[in-house]
Full PDB file with SEQRES, HELIX, SHEET, SSBOND, CRYST1, ORIGX, SCALE, CONECT and MASTER records, all heavy atoms in Angstrom:
SEQRES   1 A   40  ARG GLY ALA ALA ALA ARG GLU ARG ALA ALA ALA LEU LEU          
SEQRES   2 A   40  GLU ARG VAL GLY VAL GLY PRO PRO ALA ARG ARG LEU ARG          
SEQRES   3 A   40  GLN TYR PRO HIS GLU LEU SER GLY GLY LEU ARG GLN ARG          
SEQRES   4 A   40  VAL                                                          
HELIX    1 AA1 GLY A    2  ARG A   15  1                                  14    
HELIX    2 AA2 PRO A   21  LEU A   25  1                                   5    
HELIX    3 AA3 PRO A   29  GLU A   31  5                                   3    
HELIX    4 AA4 GLY A   34  ARG A   39  1                                   6    
CRYST1    1.000    1.000    1.000  90.00  90.00  90.00 P 1           1          
ORIGX1      1.000000  0.000000  0.000000        0.00000                         
ORIGX2      0.000000  1.000000  0.000000        0.00000                         
ORIGX3      0.000000  0.000000  1.000000        0.00000                         
SCALE1      1.000000  0.000000  0.000000        0.00000                         
SCALE2      0.000000  1.000000  0.000000        0.00000                         
SCALE3      0.000000  0.000000  1.000000        0.00000                         
ATOM      1  N   ARG A   1       0.840  -1.258   0.018  1.00  0.00           N  
ATOM      2  CA  ARG A   1      -0.005  -0.030   0.003  1.00  0.00           C  
ATOM      3  C   ARG A   1       0.855   1.215   0.005  1.00  0.00           C  
ATOM      4  O   ARG A   1       2.046   1.183   0.186  1.00  0.00           O  
ATOM      5  CB  ARG A   1      -0.901   0.044   1.272  1.00  0.00           C  
ATOM      6  CG  ARG A   1      -1.932  -1.178   1.311  1.00  0.00           C  
ATOM      7  CD  ARG A   1      -2.721  -1.106   2.565  1.00  0.00           C  
ATOM      8  NE  ARG A   1      -3.735  -2.085   2.681  1.00  0.00           N  
ATOM      9  CZ  ARG A   1      -4.966  -2.142   2.087  1.00  0.00           C  
ATOM     10  NH1 ARG A   1      -5.299  -0.990   1.495  1.00  0.00           N  
ATOM     11  NH2 ARG A   1      -5.776  -3.175   2.251  1.00  0.00           N  
ATOM     12  N   GLY A   2       0.238   2.361  -0.231  1.00  0.00           N  
ATOM     13  CA  GLY A   2       0.882   3.685  -0.048  1.00  0.00           C  
ATOM     14  C   GLY A   2       2.043   3.861  -1.107  1.00  0.00           C  
ATOM     15  O   GLY A   2       1.961   3.457  -2.245  1.00  0.00           O  
ATOM     16  N   ALA A   3       3.133   4.429  -0.525  1.00  0.00           N  
ATOM     17  CA  ALA A   3       4.298   4.671  -1.372  1.00  0.00           C  
ATOM     18  C   ALA A   3       4.870   3.439  -2.010  1.00  0.00           C  
ATOM     19  O   ALA A   3       5.319   3.371  -3.178  1.00  0.00           O  
ATOM     20  CB  ALA A   3       5.338   5.380  -0.553  1.00  0.00           C  
ATOM     21  N   ALA A   4       4.786   2.351  -1.259  1.00  0.00           N  
ATOM     22  CA  ALA A   4       5.328   1.004  -1.809  1.00  0.00           C  
ATOM     23  C   ALA A   4       4.543   0.512  -3.001  1.00  0.00           C  
ATOM     24  O   ALA A   4       5.040  -0.017  -3.955  1.00  0.00           O  
ATOM     25  CB  ALA A   4       5.341  -0.034  -0.701  1.00  0.00           C  
ATOM     26  N   ALA A   5       3.187   0.802  -2.997  1.00  0.00           N  
ATOM     27  CA  ALA A   5       2.347   0.389  -4.060  1.00  0.00           C  
ATOM     28  C   ALA A   5       2.644   1.200  -5.267  1.00  0.00           C  
ATOM     29  O   ALA A   5       2.608   0.718  -6.365  1.00  0.00           O  
ATOM     30  CB  ALA A   5       0.804   0.569  -3.602  1.00  0.00           C  
ATOM     31  N   ARG A   6       2.952   2.555  -5.060  1.00  0.00           N  
ATOM     32  CA  ARG A   6       3.319   3.397  -6.162  1.00  0.00           C  
ATOM     33  C   ARG A   6       4.572   2.979  -6.859  1.00  0.00           C  
ATOM     34  O   ARG A   6       4.695   3.035  -8.044  1.00  0.00           O  
ATOM     35  CB  ARG A   6       3.294   4.912  -5.677  1.00  0.00           C  
ATOM     36  CG  ARG A   6       3.324   5.878  -6.902  1.00  0.00           C  
ATOM     37  CD  ARG A   6       3.124   7.278  -6.300  1.00  0.00           C  
ATOM     38  NE  ARG A   6       3.041   8.178  -7.423  1.00  0.00           N  
ATOM     39  CZ  ARG A   6       2.030   8.489  -8.220  1.00  0.00           C  
ATOM     40  NH1 ARG A   6       0.917   7.794  -7.987  1.00  0.00           N  
ATOM     41  NH2 ARG A   6       2.081   9.268  -9.166  1.00  0.00           N  
ATOM     42  N   GLU A   7       5.539   2.657  -5.998  1.00  0.00           N  
ATOM     43  CA  GLU A   7       6.861   2.149  -6.511  1.00  0.00           C  
ATOM     44  C   GLU A   7       6.664   0.829  -7.362  1.00  0.00           C  
ATOM     45  O   GLU A   7       7.231   0.693  -8.503  1.00  0.00           O  
ATOM     46  CB  GLU A   7       7.834   1.867  -5.392  1.00  0.00           C  
ATOM     47  CG  GLU A   7       8.325   3.168  -4.783  1.00  0.00           C  
ATOM     48  CD  GLU A   7       9.311   2.864  -3.666  1.00  0.00           C  
ATOM     49  OE1 GLU A   7       9.884   1.753  -3.569  1.00  0.00           O  
ATOM     50  OE2 GLU A   7       9.577   3.771  -2.774  1.00  0.00           O  
ATOM     51  N   ARG A   8       5.804  -0.010  -6.815  1.00  0.00           N  
ATOM     52  CA  ARG A   8       5.503  -1.334  -7.484  1.00  0.00           C  
ATOM     53  C   ARG A   8       4.740  -1.023  -8.753  1.00  0.00           C  
ATOM     54  O   ARG A   8       5.021  -1.633  -9.795  1.00  0.00           O  
ATOM     55  CB  ARG A   8       4.710  -2.163  -6.618  1.00  0.00           C  
ATOM     56  CG  ARG A   8       4.049  -3.448  -7.254  1.00  0.00           C  
ATOM     57  CD  ARG A   8       5.124  -4.488  -7.464  1.00  0.00           C  
ATOM     58  NE  ARG A   8       4.521  -5.745  -7.931  1.00  0.00           N  
ATOM     59  CZ  ARG A   8       5.044  -6.629  -8.704  1.00  0.00           C  
ATOM     60  NH1 ARG A   8       6.280  -6.487  -9.114  1.00  0.00           N  
ATOM     61  NH2 ARG A   8       4.401  -7.731  -8.998  1.00  0.00           N  
ATOM     62  N   ALA A   9       3.829  -0.076  -8.774  1.00  0.00           N  
ATOM     63  CA  ALA A   9       3.077   0.322 -10.049  1.00  0.00           C  
ATOM     64  C   ALA A   9       3.995   0.823 -11.189  1.00  0.00           C  
ATOM     65  O   ALA A   9       3.905   0.474 -12.281  1.00  0.00           O  
ATOM     66  CB  ALA A   9       2.063   1.337  -9.711  1.00  0.00           C  
ATOM     67  N   ALA A  10       5.032   1.593 -10.766  1.00  0.00           N  
ATOM     68  CA  ALA A  10       6.003   2.184 -11.695  1.00  0.00           C  
ATOM     69  C   ALA A  10       6.872   1.061 -12.194  1.00  0.00           C  
ATOM     70  O   ALA A  10       7.083   1.022 -13.496  1.00  0.00           O  
ATOM     71  CB  ALA A  10       6.877   3.212 -11.002  1.00  0.00           C  
ATOM     72  N   ALA A  11       7.273   0.025 -11.372  1.00  0.00           N  
ATOM     73  CA  ALA A  11       7.999  -1.034 -11.938  1.00  0.00           C  
ATOM     74  C   ALA A  11       7.244  -1.946 -12.874  1.00  0.00           C  
ATOM     75  O   ALA A  11       7.774  -2.445 -13.826  1.00  0.00           O  
ATOM     76  CB  ALA A  11       8.482  -1.874 -10.630  1.00  0.00           C  
ATOM     77  N   LEU A  12       5.958  -2.038 -12.566  1.00  0.00           N  
ATOM     78  CA  LEU A  12       5.140  -2.909 -13.466  1.00  0.00           C  
ATOM     79  C   LEU A  12       4.935  -2.291 -14.820  1.00  0.00           C  
ATOM     80  O   LEU A  12       4.990  -2.855 -15.886  1.00  0.00           O  
ATOM     81  CB  LEU A  12       3.673  -3.079 -12.783  1.00  0.00           C  
ATOM     82  CG  LEU A  12       3.634  -4.100 -11.750  1.00  0.00           C  
ATOM     83  CD1 LEU A  12       2.384  -3.987 -10.855  1.00  0.00           C  
ATOM     84  CD2 LEU A  12       3.685  -5.515 -12.248  1.00  0.00           C  
ATOM     85  N   LEU A  13       4.752  -0.873 -14.781  1.00  0.00           N  
ATOM     86  CA  LEU A  13       4.691  -0.097 -16.101  1.00  0.00           C  
ATOM     87  C   LEU A  13       5.983  -0.354 -16.907  1.00  0.00           C  
ATOM     88  O   LEU A  13       5.965  -0.585 -18.117  1.00  0.00           O  
ATOM     89  CB  LEU A  13       4.346   1.283 -15.859  1.00  0.00           C  
ATOM     90  CG  LEU A  13       2.887   1.669 -15.437  1.00  0.00           C  
ATOM     91  CD1 LEU A  13       2.809   3.182 -15.247  1.00  0.00           C  
ATOM     92  CD2 LEU A  13       1.881   1.108 -16.416  1.00  0.00           C  
ATOM     93  N   GLU A  14       7.156  -0.269 -16.244  1.00  0.00           N  
ATOM     94  CA  GLU A  14       8.402  -0.437 -16.901  1.00  0.00           C  
ATOM     95  C   GLU A  14       8.514  -1.785 -17.400  1.00  0.00           C  
ATOM     96  O   GLU A  14       8.985  -2.099 -18.571  1.00  0.00           O  
ATOM     97  CB  GLU A  14       9.486  -0.140 -15.907  1.00  0.00           C  
ATOM     98  CG  GLU A  14      10.812  -0.014 -16.605  1.00  0.00           C  
ATOM     99  CD  GLU A  14      11.786   0.680 -15.688  1.00  0.00           C  
ATOM    100  OE1 GLU A  14      11.552   0.746 -14.439  1.00  0.00           O  
ATOM    101  OE2 GLU A  14      12.916   1.054 -16.214  1.00  0.00           O  
ATOM    102  N   ARG A  15       8.072  -2.885 -16.678  1.00  0.00           N  
ATOM    103  CA  ARG A  15       8.070  -4.278 -17.149  1.00  0.00           C  
ATOM    104  C   ARG A  15       7.304  -4.454 -18.374  1.00  0.00           C  
ATOM    105  O   ARG A  15       7.747  -5.178 -19.234  1.00  0.00           O  
ATOM    106  CB  ARG A  15       7.527  -5.217 -16.045  1.00  0.00           C  
ATOM    107  CG  ARG A  15       7.390  -6.617 -16.470  1.00  0.00           C  
ATOM    108  CD  ARG A  15       6.817  -7.459 -15.397  1.00  0.00           C  
ATOM    109  NE  ARG A  15       7.783  -7.883 -14.498  1.00  0.00           N  
ATOM    110  CZ  ARG A  15       7.494  -8.743 -13.427  1.00  0.00           C  
ATOM    111  NH1 ARG A  15       6.268  -9.030 -13.106  1.00  0.00           N  
ATOM    112  NH2 ARG A  15       8.426  -9.171 -12.626  1.00  0.00           N  
ATOM    113  N   VAL A  16       6.185  -3.777 -18.534  1.00  0.00           N  
ATOM    114  CA  VAL A  16       5.310  -3.909 -19.771  1.00  0.00           C  
ATOM    115  C   VAL A  16       5.623  -2.874 -20.845  1.00  0.00           C  
ATOM    116  O   VAL A  16       4.854  -2.806 -21.791  1.00  0.00           O  
ATOM    117  CB  VAL A  16       3.776  -3.927 -19.419  1.00  0.00           C  
ATOM    118  CG1 VAL A  16       3.408  -5.148 -18.504  1.00  0.00           C  
ATOM    119  CG2 VAL A  16       3.409  -2.592 -18.826  1.00  0.00           C  
ATOM    120  N   GLY A  17       6.716  -2.135 -20.719  1.00  0.00           N  
ATOM    121  CA  GLY A  17       7.171  -1.290 -21.723  1.00  0.00           C  
ATOM    122  C   GLY A  17       6.473   0.090 -21.830  1.00  0.00           C  
ATOM    123  O   GLY A  17       6.477   0.609 -22.855  1.00  0.00           O  
ATOM    124  N   VAL A  18       5.972   0.556 -20.708  1.00  0.00           N  
ATOM    125  CA  VAL A  18       5.345   1.868 -20.710  1.00  0.00           C  
ATOM    126  C   VAL A  18       6.302   2.813 -20.027  1.00  0.00           C  
ATOM    127  O   VAL A  18       6.635   2.724 -18.765  1.00  0.00           O  
ATOM    128  CB  VAL A  18       3.974   1.828 -19.917  1.00  0.00           C  
ATOM    129  CG1 VAL A  18       3.389   3.192 -19.873  1.00  0.00           C  
ATOM    130  CG2 VAL A  18       2.992   0.868 -20.660  1.00  0.00           C  
ATOM    131  N   GLY A  19       6.686   3.841 -20.709  1.00  0.00           N  
ATOM    132  CA  GLY A  19       7.610   4.808 -20.155  1.00  0.00           C  
ATOM    133  C   GLY A  19       7.263   6.253 -20.501  1.00  0.00           C  
ATOM    134  O   GLY A  19       6.562   6.433 -21.543  1.00  0.00           O  
ATOM    135  N   PRO A  20       7.690   7.190 -19.882  1.00  0.00           N  
ATOM    136  CA  PRO A  20       8.423   7.101 -18.564  1.00  0.00           C  
ATOM    137  C   PRO A  20       7.395   6.898 -17.511  1.00  0.00           C  
ATOM    138  O   PRO A  20       6.318   7.532 -17.414  1.00  0.00           O  
ATOM    139  CB  PRO A  20       9.035   8.533 -18.357  1.00  0.00           C  
ATOM    140  CG  PRO A  20       8.150   9.483 -19.202  1.00  0.00           C  
ATOM    141  CD  PRO A  20       7.738   8.658 -20.403  1.00  0.00           C  
ATOM    142  N   PRO A  21       7.630   5.792 -16.565  1.00  0.00           N  
ATOM    143  CA  PRO A  21       6.595   5.443 -15.636  1.00  0.00           C  
ATOM    144  C   PRO A  21       6.042   6.496 -14.693  1.00  0.00           C  
ATOM    145  O   PRO A  21       4.885   6.575 -14.488  1.00  0.00           O  
ATOM    146  CB  PRO A  21       7.278   4.344 -14.800  1.00  0.00           C  
ATOM    147  CG  PRO A  21       8.367   3.845 -15.720  1.00  0.00           C  
ATOM    148  CD  PRO A  21       8.820   5.028 -16.563  1.00  0.00           C  
ATOM    149  N   ALA A  22       6.915   7.361 -14.217  1.00  0.00           N  
ATOM    150  CA  ALA A  22       6.562   8.491 -13.341  1.00  0.00           C  
ATOM    151  C   ALA A  22       5.435   9.322 -13.865  1.00  0.00           C  
ATOM    152  O   ALA A  22       4.551   9.697 -13.203  1.00  0.00           O  
ATOM    153  CB  ALA A  22       7.802   9.205 -12.892  1.00  0.00           C  
ATOM    154  N   ARG A  23       5.574   9.667 -15.171  1.00  0.00           N  
ATOM    155  CA  ARG A  23       4.666  10.507 -15.857  1.00  0.00           C  
ATOM    156  C   ARG A  23       3.293   9.787 -16.128  1.00  0.00           C  
ATOM    157  O   ARG A  23       2.237  10.224 -15.920  1.00  0.00           O  
ATOM    158  CB  ARG A  23       5.170  11.120 -17.112  1.00  0.00           C  
ATOM    159  CG  ARG A  23       4.184  11.955 -17.842  1.00  0.00           C  
ATOM    160  CD  ARG A  23       4.883  12.863 -18.854  1.00  0.00           C  
ATOM    161  NE  ARG A  23       5.465  12.056 -19.929  1.00  0.00           N  
ATOM    162  CZ  ARG A  23       4.774  11.804 -21.142  1.00  0.00           C  
ATOM    163  NH1 ARG A  23       3.545  12.320 -21.294  1.00  0.00           N  
ATOM    164  NH2 ARG A  23       5.301  11.109 -22.092  1.00  0.00           N  
ATOM    165  N   ARG A  24       3.467   8.540 -16.596  1.00  0.00           N  
ATOM    166  CA  ARG A  24       2.376   7.728 -16.899  1.00  0.00           C  
ATOM    167  C   ARG A  24       1.404   7.432 -15.775  1.00  0.00           C  
ATOM    168  O   ARG A  24       0.236   7.331 -15.898  1.00  0.00           O  
ATOM    169  CB  ARG A  24       2.768   6.400 -17.594  1.00  0.00           C  
ATOM    170  CG  ARG A  24       3.492   6.593 -18.866  1.00  0.00           C  
ATOM    171  CD  ARG A  24       2.769   7.242 -19.965  1.00  0.00           C  
ATOM    172  NE  ARG A  24       3.518   7.261 -21.197  1.00  0.00           N  
ATOM    173  CZ  ARG A  24       3.156   7.909 -22.255  1.00  0.00           C  
ATOM    174  NH1 ARG A  24       2.099   8.785 -22.231  1.00  0.00           N  
ATOM    175  NH2 ARG A  24       3.947   7.883 -23.377  1.00  0.00           N  
ATOM    176  N   LEU A  25       2.016   7.274 -14.581  1.00  0.00           N  
ATOM    177  CA  LEU A  25       1.266   7.019 -13.375  1.00  0.00           C  
ATOM    178  C   LEU A  25       0.240   8.159 -13.091  1.00  0.00           C  
ATOM    179  O   LEU A  25      -0.830   7.906 -12.511  1.00  0.00           O  
ATOM    180  CB  LEU A  25       2.161   6.867 -12.176  1.00  0.00           C  
ATOM    181  CG  LEU A  25       2.997   5.512 -12.140  1.00  0.00           C  
ATOM    182  CD1 LEU A  25       3.890   5.683 -10.885  1.00  0.00           C  
ATOM    183  CD2 LEU A  25       2.090   4.363 -11.950  1.00  0.00           C  
ATOM    184  N   ARG A  26       0.554   9.340 -13.475  1.00  0.00           N  
ATOM    185  CA  ARG A  26      -0.329  10.517 -13.204  1.00  0.00           C  
ATOM    186  C   ARG A  26      -1.364  10.720 -14.245  1.00  0.00           C  
ATOM    187  O   ARG A  26      -2.244  11.535 -14.161  1.00  0.00           O  
ATOM    188  CB  ARG A  26       0.534  11.759 -13.118  1.00  0.00           C  
ATOM    189  CG  ARG A  26       1.574  11.772 -11.966  1.00  0.00           C  
ATOM    190  CD  ARG A  26       2.154  13.098 -11.696  1.00  0.00           C  
ATOM    191  NE  ARG A  26       2.875  13.587 -12.847  1.00  0.00           N  
ATOM    192  CZ  ARG A  26       4.121  13.408 -13.175  1.00  0.00           C  
ATOM    193  NH1 ARG A  26       4.826  12.727 -12.197  1.00  0.00           N  
ATOM    194  NH2 ARG A  26       4.717  13.912 -14.227  1.00  0.00           N  
ATOM    195  N   GLN A  27      -1.262   9.988 -15.399  1.00  0.00           N  
ATOM    196  CA  GLN A  27      -2.191  10.143 -16.518  1.00  0.00           C  
ATOM    197  C   GLN A  27      -3.454   9.385 -16.372  1.00  0.00           C  
ATOM    198  O   GLN A  27      -3.607   8.338 -15.610  1.00  0.00           O  
ATOM    199  CB  GLN A  27      -1.492   9.841 -17.820  1.00  0.00           C  
ATOM    200  CG  GLN A  27      -0.402  10.810 -18.153  1.00  0.00           C  
ATOM    201  CD  GLN A  27       0.239  10.527 -19.541  1.00  0.00           C  
ATOM    202  OE1 GLN A  27       0.606   9.378 -19.814  1.00  0.00           O  
ATOM    203  NE2 GLN A  27       0.352  11.519 -20.394  1.00  0.00           N  
ATOM    204  N   TYR A  28      -4.461   9.850 -17.100  1.00  0.00           N  
ATOM    205  CA  TYR A  28      -5.809   9.163 -17.153  1.00  0.00           C  
ATOM    206  C   TYR A  28      -5.838   8.244 -18.357  1.00  0.00           C  
ATOM    207  O   TYR A  28      -5.180   8.539 -19.355  1.00  0.00           O  
ATOM    208  CB  TYR A  28      -6.959  10.105 -17.041  1.00  0.00           C  
ATOM    209  CG  TYR A  28      -7.070  10.815 -15.704  1.00  0.00           C  
ATOM    210  CD1 TYR A  28      -6.340  11.897 -15.409  1.00  0.00           C  
ATOM    211  CD2 TYR A  28      -7.905  10.374 -14.753  1.00  0.00           C  
ATOM    212  CE1 TYR A  28      -6.366  12.587 -14.243  1.00  0.00           C  
ATOM    213  CE2 TYR A  28      -8.085  10.958 -13.508  1.00  0.00           C  
ATOM    214  CZ  TYR A  28      -7.266  12.098 -13.191  1.00  0.00           C  
ATOM    215  OH  TYR A  28      -7.365  12.650 -12.020  1.00  0.00           O  
ATOM    216  N   PRO A  29      -6.698   7.273 -18.410  1.00  0.00           N  
ATOM    217  CA  PRO A  29      -6.734   6.381 -19.567  1.00  0.00           C  
ATOM    218  C   PRO A  29      -6.929   7.079 -20.920  1.00  0.00           C  
ATOM    219  O   PRO A  29      -6.308   6.681 -21.887  1.00  0.00           O  
ATOM    220  CB  PRO A  29      -7.928   5.480 -19.262  1.00  0.00           C  
ATOM    221  CG  PRO A  29      -7.906   5.331 -17.779  1.00  0.00           C  
ATOM    222  CD  PRO A  29      -7.514   6.684 -17.308  1.00  0.00           C  
ATOM    223  N   HIS A  30      -7.713   8.137 -20.938  1.00  0.00           N  
ATOM    224  CA  HIS A  30      -8.024   8.882 -22.165  1.00  0.00           C  
ATOM    225  C   HIS A  30      -6.796   9.590 -22.761  1.00  0.00           C  
ATOM    226  O   HIS A  30      -6.788   9.902 -23.905  1.00  0.00           O  
ATOM    227  CB  HIS A  30      -9.212   9.813 -22.070  1.00  0.00           C  
ATOM    228  CG  HIS A  30      -8.820  11.104 -21.253  1.00  0.00           C  
ATOM    229  ND1 HIS A  30      -9.054  11.067 -19.901  1.00  0.00           N  
ATOM    230  CD2 HIS A  30      -8.368  12.246 -21.615  1.00  0.00           C  
ATOM    231  CE1 HIS A  30      -8.578  12.314 -19.456  1.00  0.00           C  
ATOM    232  NE2 HIS A  30      -8.243  13.009 -20.400  1.00  0.00           N  
ATOM    233  N   GLU A  31      -5.720   9.786 -21.880  1.00  0.00           N  
ATOM    234  CA  GLU A  31      -4.595  10.443 -22.419  1.00  0.00           C  
ATOM    235  C   GLU A  31      -3.586   9.472 -23.039  1.00  0.00           C  
ATOM    236  O   GLU A  31      -2.538   9.837 -23.498  1.00  0.00           O  
ATOM    237  CB  GLU A  31      -3.831  11.084 -21.159  1.00  0.00           C  
ATOM    238  CG  GLU A  31      -4.673  12.194 -20.558  1.00  0.00           C  
ATOM    239  CD  GLU A  31      -4.076  12.905 -19.349  1.00  0.00           C  
ATOM    240  OE1 GLU A  31      -4.234  12.289 -18.305  1.00  0.00           O  
ATOM    241  OE2 GLU A  31      -3.410  13.892 -19.547  1.00  0.00           O  
ATOM    242  N   LEU A  32      -3.896   8.155 -22.999  1.00  0.00           N  
ATOM    243  CA  LEU A  32      -2.989   7.183 -23.548  1.00  0.00           C  
ATOM    244  C   LEU A  32      -3.536   6.623 -24.975  1.00  0.00           C  
ATOM    245  O   LEU A  32      -4.749   6.611 -25.110  1.00  0.00           O  
ATOM    246  CB  LEU A  32      -2.796   6.015 -22.602  1.00  0.00           C  
ATOM    247  CG  LEU A  32      -2.349   6.339 -21.159  1.00  0.00           C  
ATOM    248  CD1 LEU A  32      -2.275   5.112 -20.336  1.00  0.00           C  
ATOM    249  CD2 LEU A  32      -1.011   7.120 -21.207  1.00  0.00           C  
ATOM    250  N   SER A  33      -2.641   6.156 -25.736  1.00  0.00           N  
ATOM    251  CA  SER A  33      -3.002   5.466 -26.983  1.00  0.00           C  
ATOM    252  C   SER A  33      -3.623   4.136 -26.673  1.00  0.00           C  
ATOM    253  O   SER A  33      -3.555   3.638 -25.594  1.00  0.00           O  
ATOM    254  CB  SER A  33      -1.748   5.310 -27.879  1.00  0.00           C  
ATOM    255  OG  SER A  33      -0.895   4.422 -27.312  1.00  0.00           O  
ATOM    256  N   GLY A  34      -4.170   3.512 -27.700  1.00  0.00           N  
ATOM    257  CA  GLY A  34      -4.809   2.175 -27.513  1.00  0.00           C  
ATOM    258  C   GLY A  34      -3.780   1.185 -27.097  1.00  0.00           C  
ATOM    259  O   GLY A  34      -4.026   0.302 -26.154  1.00  0.00           O  
ATOM    260  N   GLY A  35      -2.578   1.130 -27.664  1.00  0.00           N  
ATOM    261  CA  GLY A  35      -1.554   0.208 -27.357  1.00  0.00           C  
ATOM    262  C   GLY A  35      -1.085   0.414 -25.918  1.00  0.00           C  
ATOM    263  O   GLY A  35      -0.805  -0.662 -25.200  1.00  0.00           O  
ATOM    264  N   LEU A  36      -0.865   1.682 -25.433  1.00  0.00           N  
ATOM    265  CA  LEU A  36      -0.513   1.926 -24.087  1.00  0.00           C  
ATOM    266  C   LEU A  36      -1.568   1.550 -23.081  1.00  0.00           C  
ATOM    267  O   LEU A  36      -1.199   0.974 -21.997  1.00  0.00           O  
ATOM    268  CB  LEU A  36      -0.138   3.416 -23.885  1.00  0.00           C  
ATOM    269  CG  LEU A  36       1.154   3.903 -24.567  1.00  0.00           C  
ATOM    270  CD1 LEU A  36       1.327   5.364 -24.380  1.00  0.00           C  
ATOM    271  CD2 LEU A  36       2.296   3.152 -23.878  1.00  0.00           C  
ATOM    272  N   ARG A  37      -2.807   1.758 -23.460  1.00  0.00           N  
ATOM    273  CA  ARG A  37      -3.913   1.312 -22.501  1.00  0.00           C  
ATOM    274  C   ARG A  37      -3.880  -0.219 -22.367  1.00  0.00           C  
ATOM    275  O   ARG A  37      -4.152  -0.709 -21.221  1.00  0.00           O  
ATOM    276  CB  ARG A  37      -5.238   1.727 -23.028  1.00  0.00           C  
ATOM    277  CG  ARG A  37      -5.566   3.246 -22.922  1.00  0.00           C  
ATOM    278  CD  ARG A  37      -6.985   3.590 -23.104  1.00  0.00           C  
ATOM    279  NE  ARG A  37      -7.429   3.390 -24.394  1.00  0.00           N  
ATOM    280  CZ  ARG A  37      -7.452   4.231 -25.425  1.00  0.00           C  
ATOM    281  NH1 ARG A  37      -7.121   5.442 -25.127  1.00  0.00           N  
ATOM    282  NH2 ARG A  37      -7.993   3.988 -26.593  1.00  0.00           N  
ATOM    283  N   GLN A  38      -3.639  -0.906 -23.432  1.00  0.00           N  
ATOM    284  CA  GLN A  38      -3.569  -2.393 -23.331  1.00  0.00           C  
ATOM    285  C   GLN A  38      -2.380  -2.779 -22.495  1.00  0.00           C  
ATOM    286  O   GLN A  38      -2.542  -3.774 -21.689  1.00  0.00           O  
ATOM    287  CB  GLN A  38      -3.441  -2.929 -24.711  1.00  0.00           C  
ATOM    288  CG  GLN A  38      -3.749  -4.481 -24.771  1.00  0.00           C  
ATOM    289  CD  GLN A  38      -5.106  -4.849 -24.354  1.00  0.00           C  
ATOM    290  OE1 GLN A  38      -5.408  -4.863 -23.139  1.00  0.00           O  
ATOM    291  NE2 GLN A  38      -5.959  -5.210 -25.274  1.00  0.00           N  
ATOM    292  N   ARG A  39      -1.257  -2.090 -22.578  1.00  0.00           N  
ATOM    293  CA  ARG A  39      -0.111  -2.362 -21.719  1.00  0.00           C  
ATOM    294  C   ARG A  39      -0.442  -2.156 -20.242  1.00  0.00           C  
ATOM    295  O   ARG A  39       0.000  -2.728 -19.353  1.00  0.00           O  
ATOM    296  CB  ARG A  39       1.090  -1.617 -22.195  1.00  0.00           C  
ATOM    297  CG  ARG A  39       1.718  -2.123 -23.502  1.00  0.00           C  
ATOM    298  CD  ARG A  39       2.803  -1.147 -23.961  1.00  0.00           C  
ATOM    299  NE  ARG A  39       3.245  -1.653 -25.310  1.00  0.00           N  
ATOM    300  CZ  ARG A  39       4.255  -2.311 -25.470  1.00  0.00           C  
ATOM    301  NH1 ARG A  39       5.025  -2.763 -24.491  1.00  0.00           N  
ATOM    302  NH2 ARG A  39       4.685  -2.707 -26.790  1.00  0.00           N  
ATOM    303  N   VAL A  40      -1.188  -1.002 -19.990  1.00  0.00           N  
ATOM    304  CA  VAL A  40      -1.623  -0.788 -18.617  1.00  0.00           C  
ATOM    305  C   VAL A  40      -2.483  -1.896 -18.070  1.00  0.00           C  
ATOM    306  O   VAL A  40      -2.366  -2.333 -16.979  1.00  0.00           O  
ATOM    307  CB  VAL A  40      -2.347   0.581 -18.462  1.00  0.00           C  
ATOM    308  CG1 VAL A  40      -3.050   0.826 -17.179  1.00  0.00           C  
ATOM    309  CG2 VAL A  40      -1.408   1.703 -18.762  1.00  0.00           C  
TER     310      VAL A  40                                                      
MASTER        0    0    0    4    0    0    0    6  309    1    0    4          
END                                                                             
């Protein structure tokens, strides 16, 4: 939970090829392309 969950979320985005993770974590689904949404 908390900060640890956010760190884990960033690592998961990096694992599936979504970068930069720190910026993507703050975005909403409509701000991403179809391919990026599928990776999320």
